[in-house]
């Protein structure tokens, strides 16, 4: 089964985006994938410290 990714707009400073693009290039991935990776790491670290984040059931 294919993954579906929900589109999400994000506003960041030009400087931050330029830095993300530099990191992405160094890791040979797109800026979008670099941001996704950073968010996954952030959530994983949070859950390691505080436990799993419970999501409400979807209708």
C-alpha atoms as a PDB file:
ATOM      1  CA  UNK A   1       0.000   0.000   0.000  1.00  0.00           C
ATOM      2  CA  UNK A   2       1.366   3.409  -0.956  1.00  0.00           C
ATOM      3  CA  UNK A   3       1.912   6.058   1.698  1.00  0.00           C
ATOM      4  CA  UNK A   4      -0.139   9.210   1.394  1.00  0.00           C
ATOM      5  CA  UNK A   5       1.494  12.422   2.521  1.00  0.00           C
ATOM      6  CA  UNK A   6      -0.724  15.296   3.580  1.00  0.00           C
ATOM      7  CA  UNK A   7       0.388  18.613   2.072  1.00  0.00           C
ATOM      8  CA  UNK A   8       1.368  21.162   4.721  1.00  0.00           C
ATOM      9  CA  UNK A   9       2.517  24.735   4.145  1.00  0.00           C
ATOM     10  CA  UNK A  10       5.261  26.022   6.422  1.00  0.00           C
ATOM     11  CA  UNK A  11       6.524  29.577   6.732  1.00  0.00           C
ATOM     12  CA  UNK A  12      10.139  29.991   7.812  1.00  0.00           C
ATOM     13  CA  UNK A  13      12.718  32.721   7.476  1.00  0.00           C
ATOM     14  CA  UNK A  14      14.774  32.796   4.306  1.00  0.00           C
ATOM     15  CA  UNK A  15      17.923  32.220   6.375  1.00  0.00           C
ATOM     16  CA  UNK A  16      16.501  29.104   8.031  1.00  0.00           C
ATOM     17  CA  UNK A  17      15.345  27.710   4.693  1.00  0.00           C
ATOM     18  CA  UNK A  18      18.785  28.341   3.179  1.00  0.00           C
ATOM     19  CA  UNK A  19      20.378  26.439   6.074  1.00  0.00           C
ATOM     20  CA  UNK A  20      17.935  23.555   5.654  1.00  0.00           C
ATOM     21  CA  UNK A  21      18.771  23.446   1.948  1.00  0.00           C
ATOM     22  CA  UNK A  22      22.495  23.266   2.786  1.00  0.00           C
ATOM     23  CA  UNK A  23      21.881  20.393   5.204  1.00  0.00           C
ATOM     24  CA  UNK A  24      19.678  18.639   2.663  1.00  0.00           C
ATOM     25  CA  UNK A  25      22.351  18.891  -0.019  1.00  0.00           C
ATOM     26  CA  UNK A  26      24.955  17.497   2.386  1.00  0.00           C
ATOM     27  CA  UNK A  27      22.645  14.553   3.134  1.00  0.00           C
ATOM     28  CA  UNK A  28      21.711  14.095  -0.545  1.00  0.00           C
ATOM     29  CA  UNK A  29      17.984  14.643  -0.042  1.00  0.00           C
ATOM     30  CA  UNK A  30      15.412  17.327  -0.780  1.00  0.00           C
ATOM     31  CA  UNK A  31      14.697  20.171   1.614  1.00  0.00           C
ATOM     32  CA  UNK A  32      11.255  18.637   2.157  1.00  0.00           C
ATOM     33  CA  UNK A  33      12.782  15.288   3.174  1.00  0.00           C
ATOM     34  CA  UNK A  34      15.296  17.082   5.418  1.00  0.00           C
ATOM     35  CA  UNK A  35      12.449  18.848   7.240  1.00  0.00           C
ATOM     36  CA  UNK A  36      10.505  15.572   7.475  1.00  0.00           C
ATOM     37  CA  UNK A  37      13.591  13.857   8.936  1.00  0.00           C
ATOM     38  CA  UNK A  38      14.068  16.651  11.501  1.00  0.00           C
ATOM     39  CA  UNK A  39      10.414  16.445  12.564  1.00  0.00           C
ATOM     40  CA  UNK A  40      10.624  12.649  12.909  1.00  0.00           C
ATOM     41  CA  UNK A  41      13.722  13.016  15.101  1.00  0.00           C
ATOM     42  CA  UNK A  42      12.004  15.669  17.241  1.00  0.00           C
ATOM     43  CA  UNK A  43       8.889  13.535  17.780  1.00  0.00           C
ATOM     44  CA  UNK A  44      10.967  10.423  18.528  1.00  0.00           C
ATOM     45  CA  UNK A  45      13.018  12.306  21.141  1.00  0.00           C
ATOM     46  CA  UNK A  46       9.849  13.703  22.727  1.00  0.00           C
ATOM     47  CA  UNK A  47       8.213  10.268  22.871  1.00  0.00           C
ATOM     48  CA  UNK A  48      11.362   8.714  24.331  1.00  0.00           C
ATOM     49  CA  UNK A  49      11.223  11.196  27.209  1.00  0.00           C
ATOM     50  CA  UNK A  50       7.457  11.521  27.682  1.00  0.00           C
ATOM     51  CA  UNK A  51       5.954   8.354  26.228  1.00  0.00           C
ATOM     52  CA  UNK A  52       3.965   7.738  23.091  1.00  0.00           C
ATOM     53  CA  UNK A  53       1.786  10.544  21.785  1.00  0.00           C
ATOM     54  CA  UNK A  54      -1.794   9.341  21.635  1.00  0.00           C
ATOM     55  CA  UNK A  55      -3.747  10.412  18.598  1.00  0.00           C
ATOM     56  CA  UNK A  56      -7.528  10.769  18.632  1.00  0.00           C
ATOM     57  CA  UNK A  57      -9.404   8.126  16.644  1.00  0.00           C
ATOM     58  CA  UNK A  58     -10.086   9.157  13.066  1.00  0.00           C
ATOM     59  CA  UNK A  59     -13.678   9.339  11.904  1.00  0.00           C
END
